[in-house]
Amino acid sequence: MIIVHGGITVDPARIDDVDRAGQTFQQASLAEDGCLEYQLSWKVGEPGHLRLLEIWASKDQHEAHKAQPHTREWTSFISGAASAPPQFTDLDL
């Protein structure tokens, strides 16, 4: 099992765009084989800080997720909306 958690701070002017794109990306990720949980949410008390929690049944399925077109598209999009580098931690259980 793989658990990924962390977050990224986005430009306040882009919050609505990130919210819309994030909903689409989250649903696409949840539909992938081996995805047990995929959550994008805004952190309370830190406006513009997007939190991520993803849980995958296996490392191979997580690796396949990272190669998906919707993941590459989201990564490019969120990088352009970010106001600070992302911080993520991967746990391999």
N, C-alpha and C. Protein backbone atom coordinates (compact mmCIF):
# COMPACT_ATOMS: atom_id res chain seq x y z
N MET A 1 0.84 -1.17 0.00
CA MET A 1 0.00 0.00 0.00
C MET A 1 0.89 1.23 0.00
N ILE A 2 0.49 2.24 -0.77
CA ILE A 2 1.21 3.50 -0.86
C ILE A 2 0.29 4.62 -0.39
N ILE A 3 0.79 5.46 0.51
CA ILE A 3 0.06 6.63 0.97
C ILE A 3 0.91 7.85 0.62
N VAL A 4 0.29 8.80 -0.06
CA VAL A 4 0.95 10.05 -0.40
C VAL A 4 0.15 11.17 0.25
N HIS A 5 0.87 12.06 0.94
CA HIS A 5 0.18 13.21 1.52
C HIS A 5 1.09 14.43 1.42
N GLY A 6 0.45 15.58 1.45
CA GLY A 6 1.21 16.83 1.36
C GLY A 6 0.32 17.93 0.84
N GLY A 7 0.94 18.90 0.22
CA GLY A 7 0.15 20.00 -0.29
C GLY A 7 0.96 20.99 -1.07
N ILE A 8 0.23 22.00 -1.56
CA ILE A 8 0.84 23.04 -2.37
C ILE A 8 0.03 24.32 -2.16
N THR A 9 0.73 25.44 -2.10
CA THR A 9 0.07 26.73 -1.98
C THR A 9 -0.11 27.31 -3.37
N VAL A 10 -1.33 27.74 -3.66
CA VAL A 10 -1.64 28.27 -4.99
C VAL A 10 -1.89 29.77 -4.92
N ASP A 11 -1.70 30.41 -6.06
CA ASP A 11 -1.98 31.83 -6.22
C ASP A 11 -3.45 32.07 -5.86
N PRO A 12 -3.73 32.99 -4.93
CA PRO A 12 -5.12 33.25 -4.52
C PRO A 12 -6.05 33.58 -5.70
N ALA A 13 -5.52 34.20 -6.72
CA ALA A 13 -6.34 34.54 -7.89
C ALA A 13 -6.73 33.30 -8.69
N ARG A 14 -6.09 32.17 -8.45
CA ARG A 14 -6.35 30.95 -9.21
C ARG A 14 -7.17 29.91 -8.45
N ILE A 15 -7.61 30.24 -7.23
CA ILE A 15 -8.30 29.25 -6.39
C ILE A 15 -9.52 28.66 -7.09
N ASP A 16 -10.35 29.48 -7.73
CA ASP A 16 -11.54 28.94 -8.40
C ASP A 16 -11.16 28.00 -9.54
N ASP A 17 -10.14 28.37 -10.32
CA ASP A 17 -9.67 27.51 -11.41
C ASP A 17 -9.14 26.19 -10.87
N VAL A 18 -8.37 26.27 -9.80
CA VAL A 18 -7.79 25.06 -9.19
C VAL A 18 -8.91 24.17 -8.65
N ASP A 19 -9.91 24.78 -8.04
CA ASP A 19 -11.02 24.01 -7.49
C ASP A 19 -11.74 23.23 -8.59
N ARG A 20 -12.05 23.89 -9.69
CA ARG A 20 -12.74 23.21 -10.81
C ARG A 20 -11.87 22.09 -11.40
N ALA A 21 -10.62 22.41 -11.70
CA ALA A 21 -9.72 21.42 -12.30
C ALA A 21 -9.45 20.28 -11.32
N GLY A 22 -9.34 20.61 -10.04
CA GLY A 22 -9.08 19.60 -9.03
C GLY A 22 -10.20 18.60 -8.90
N GLN A 23 -11.45 19.06 -9.01
CA GLN A 23 -12.58 18.14 -8.94
C GLN A 23 -12.54 17.12 -10.08
N THR A 24 -12.23 17.60 -11.27
CA THR A 24 -12.14 16.71 -12.44
C THR A 24 -11.00 15.72 -12.27
N PHE A 25 -9.85 16.21 -11.84
CA PHE A 25 -8.69 15.34 -11.65
C PHE A 25 -8.93 14.31 -10.55
N GLN A 26 -9.52 14.75 -9.47
CA GLN A 26 -9.81 13.84 -8.36
C GLN A 26 -10.72 12.70 -8.83
N GLN A 27 -11.76 13.01 -9.58
CA GLN A 27 -12.67 11.97 -10.05
C GLN A 27 -11.97 10.99 -11.00
N ALA A 28 -11.12 11.51 -11.88
CA ALA A 28 -10.37 10.64 -12.80
C ALA A 28 -9.44 9.72 -12.02
N SER A 29 -8.81 10.25 -11.00
CA SER A 29 -7.89 9.44 -10.19
C SER A 29 -8.63 8.36 -9.41
N LEU A 30 -9.78 8.72 -8.85
CA LEU A 30 -10.58 7.74 -8.09
C LEU A 30 -11.04 6.58 -8.97
N ALA A 31 -11.18 6.81 -10.26
CA ALA A 31 -11.64 5.77 -11.18
C ALA A 31 -10.53 4.81 -11.59
N GLU A 32 -9.29 5.11 -11.24
CA GLU A 32 -8.16 4.26 -11.64
C GLU A 32 -8.11 2.98 -10.81
N ASP A 33 -7.62 1.94 -11.45
CA ASP A 33 -7.43 0.65 -10.79
C ASP A 33 -6.44 0.80 -9.64
N GLY A 34 -6.84 0.36 -8.47
CA GLY A 34 -5.95 0.38 -7.32
C GLY A 34 -6.04 1.63 -6.47
N CYS A 35 -6.83 2.62 -6.89
CA CYS A 35 -6.98 3.83 -6.09
C CYS A 35 -8.00 3.57 -4.99
N LEU A 36 -7.53 3.61 -3.75
CA LEU A 36 -8.41 3.38 -2.60
C LEU A 36 -8.96 4.68 -2.05
N GLU A 37 -8.22 5.77 -2.22
CA GLU A 37 -8.65 7.09 -1.74
C GLU A 37 -7.90 8.16 -2.51
N TYR A 38 -8.59 9.22 -2.86
CA TYR A 38 -7.94 10.38 -3.49
C TYR A 38 -8.70 11.61 -3.06
N GLN A 39 -8.05 12.45 -2.26
CA GLN A 39 -8.70 13.65 -1.73
C GLN A 39 -7.85 14.87 -1.99
N LEU A 40 -8.49 15.86 -2.58
CA LEU A 40 -7.92 17.20 -2.65
C LEU A 40 -8.84 18.07 -1.81
N SER A 41 -8.27 18.89 -0.93
CA SER A 41 -9.09 19.75 -0.07
C SER A 41 -8.30 20.99 0.31
N TRP A 42 -9.03 22.03 0.68
CA TRP A 42 -8.39 23.27 1.12
C TRP A 42 -8.11 23.20 2.61
N LYS A 43 -6.94 23.62 3.02
CA LYS A 43 -6.53 23.56 4.42
C LYS A 43 -7.16 24.71 5.21
N VAL A 44 -7.83 24.37 6.27
CA VAL A 44 -8.47 25.36 7.12
C VAL A 44 -7.40 26.27 7.75
N GLY A 45 -7.64 27.57 7.71
CA GLY A 45 -6.71 28.52 8.31
C GLY A 45 -5.56 28.92 7.43
N GLU A 46 -5.43 28.30 6.26
CA GLU A 46 -4.36 28.65 5.32
C GLU A 46 -4.97 28.81 3.93
N PRO A 47 -5.54 29.97 3.66
CA PRO A 47 -6.18 30.19 2.36
C PRO A 47 -5.23 29.89 1.20
N GLY A 48 -5.73 29.16 0.25
CA GLY A 48 -4.93 28.84 -0.92
C GLY A 48 -4.00 27.66 -0.76
N HIS A 49 -4.08 26.95 0.37
CA HIS A 49 -3.21 25.78 0.54
C HIS A 49 -4.02 24.52 0.25
N LEU A 50 -3.69 23.88 -0.86
CA LEU A 50 -4.38 22.68 -1.30
C LEU A 50 -3.70 21.45 -0.71
N ARG A 51 -4.47 20.63 -0.03
CA ARG A 51 -3.96 19.42 0.60
C ARG A 51 -4.26 18.21 -0.29
N LEU A 52 -3.41 17.22 -0.22
CA LEU A 52 -3.56 15.99 -0.99
C LEU A 52 -3.42 14.79 -0.07
N LEU A 53 -4.31 13.83 -0.25
CA LEU A 53 -4.18 12.51 0.38
C LEU A 53 -4.55 11.49 -0.68
N GLU A 54 -3.64 10.59 -0.99
CA GLU A 54 -3.94 9.52 -1.92
C GLU A 54 -3.46 8.20 -1.33
N ILE A 55 -4.26 7.16 -1.53
CA ILE A 55 -3.93 5.82 -1.03
C ILE A 55 -4.10 4.86 -2.20
N TRP A 56 -3.04 4.09 -2.45
CA TRP A 56 -3.02 3.13 -3.56
C TRP A 56 -2.80 1.73 -3.01
N ALA A 57 -3.42 0.76 -3.64
CA ALA A 57 -3.29 -0.63 -3.20
C ALA A 57 -1.86 -1.15 -3.38
N SER A 58 -1.16 -0.65 -4.41
CA SER A 58 0.20 -1.13 -4.64
C SER A 58 1.07 -0.04 -5.26
N LYS A 59 2.37 -0.23 -5.16
CA LYS A 59 3.33 0.70 -5.75
C LYS A 59 3.18 0.73 -7.27
N ASP A 60 2.96 -0.42 -7.88
CA ASP A 60 2.80 -0.47 -9.33
C ASP A 60 1.59 0.35 -9.79
N GLN A 61 0.50 0.27 -9.05
CA GLN A 61 -0.68 1.04 -9.42
C GLN A 61 -0.45 2.54 -9.24
N HIS A 62 0.30 2.90 -8.22
CA HIS A 62 0.64 4.31 -8.04
C HIS A 62 1.54 4.80 -9.17
N GLU A 63 2.49 3.98 -9.56
CA GLU A 63 3.38 4.34 -10.68
C GLU A 63 2.56 4.49 -11.97
N ALA A 64 1.60 3.61 -12.18
CA ALA A 64 0.74 3.71 -13.37
C ALA A 64 -0.06 5.01 -13.34
N HIS A 65 -0.52 5.40 -12.16
CA HIS A 65 -1.26 6.67 -12.00
C HIS A 65 -0.40 7.85 -12.44
N LYS A 66 0.85 7.85 -12.03
CA LYS A 66 1.74 8.97 -12.35
C LYS A 66 1.99 9.09 -13.85
N ALA A 67 1.79 8.01 -14.60
CA ALA A 67 2.01 8.02 -16.04
C ALA A 67 0.74 8.36 -16.84
N GLN A 68 -0.40 8.48 -16.16
CA GLN A 68 -1.67 8.74 -16.85
C GLN A 68 -1.68 10.15 -17.45
N PRO A 69 -2.31 10.31 -18.61
CA PRO A 69 -2.41 11.65 -19.22
C PRO A 69 -3.06 12.69 -18.30
N HIS A 70 -4.12 12.29 -17.57
CA HIS A 70 -4.77 13.28 -16.69
C HIS A 70 -3.85 13.69 -15.54
N THR A 71 -2.95 12.81 -15.11
CA THR A 71 -2.01 13.17 -14.05
C THR A 71 -0.95 14.13 -14.59
N ARG A 72 -0.44 13.86 -15.76
CA ARG A 72 0.54 14.76 -16.36
C ARG A 72 -0.08 16.14 -16.62
N GLU A 73 -1.33 16.15 -17.09
CA GLU A 73 -2.04 17.42 -17.34
C GLU A 73 -2.23 18.19 -16.03
N TRP A 74 -2.67 17.51 -14.97
CA TRP A 74 -2.86 18.15 -13.68
C TRP A 74 -1.54 18.69 -13.13
N THR A 75 -0.48 17.93 -13.23
CA THR A 75 0.82 18.35 -12.73
C THR A 75 1.27 19.64 -13.41
N SER A 76 1.09 19.70 -14.71
CA SER A 76 1.44 20.91 -15.45
C SER A 76 0.56 22.08 -15.02
N PHE A 77 -0.74 21.84 -14.91
CA PHE A 77 -1.68 22.89 -14.52
C PHE A 77 -1.36 23.43 -13.13
N ILE A 78 -1.22 22.54 -12.15
CA ILE A 78 -1.04 22.98 -10.77
C ILE A 78 0.32 23.65 -10.59
N SER A 79 1.31 23.25 -11.34
CA SER A 79 2.62 23.91 -11.27
C SER A 79 2.51 25.37 -11.70
N GLY A 80 1.66 25.61 -12.71
CA GLY A 80 1.46 26.98 -13.19
C GLY A 80 0.63 27.83 -12.25
N ALA A 81 -0.16 27.18 -11.39
CA ALA A 81 -1.02 27.91 -10.45
C ALA A 81 -0.36 28.07 -9.08
N ALA A 82 0.76 27.40 -8.86
CA ALA A 82 1.40 27.39 -7.54
C ALA A 82 2.14 28.69 -7.26
N SER A 83 2.14 29.06 -5.98
CA SER A 83 2.92 30.21 -5.55
C SER A 83 4.12 29.77 -4.69
N ALA A 84 4.22 28.46 -4.48
CA ALA A 84 5.35 27.89 -3.73
C ALA A 84 5.51 26.43 -4.18
N PRO A 85 6.68 25.87 -4.01
CA PRO A 85 6.88 24.47 -4.40
C PRO A 85 6.01 23.51 -3.58
N PRO A 86 5.59 22.40 -4.18
CA PRO A 86 4.80 21.42 -3.44
C PRO A 86 5.66 20.69 -2.42
N GLN A 87 4.99 20.16 -1.42
CA GLN A 87 5.67 19.32 -0.43
C GLN A 87 4.84 18.06 -0.26
N PHE A 88 5.42 16.91 -0.62
CA PHE A 88 4.73 15.63 -0.54
C PHE A 88 5.60 14.60 0.14
N THR A 89 4.95 13.66 0.81
CA THR A 89 5.62 12.54 1.43
C THR A 89 4.95 11.26 0.95
N ASP A 90 5.74 10.30 0.52
CA ASP A 90 5.24 8.99 0.11
C ASP A 90 5.60 7.98 1.17
N LEU A 91 4.61 7.20 1.58
CA LEU A 91 4.84 6.12 2.54
C LEU A 91 4.54 4.81 1.87
N ASP A 92 5.48 3.90 1.86
CA ASP A 92 5.30 2.58 1.28
C ASP A 92 5.09 1.60 2.44
N LEU A 93 3.85 1.14 2.61
CA LEU A 93 3.55 0.25 3.73
C LEU A 93 3.43 -1.20 3.30
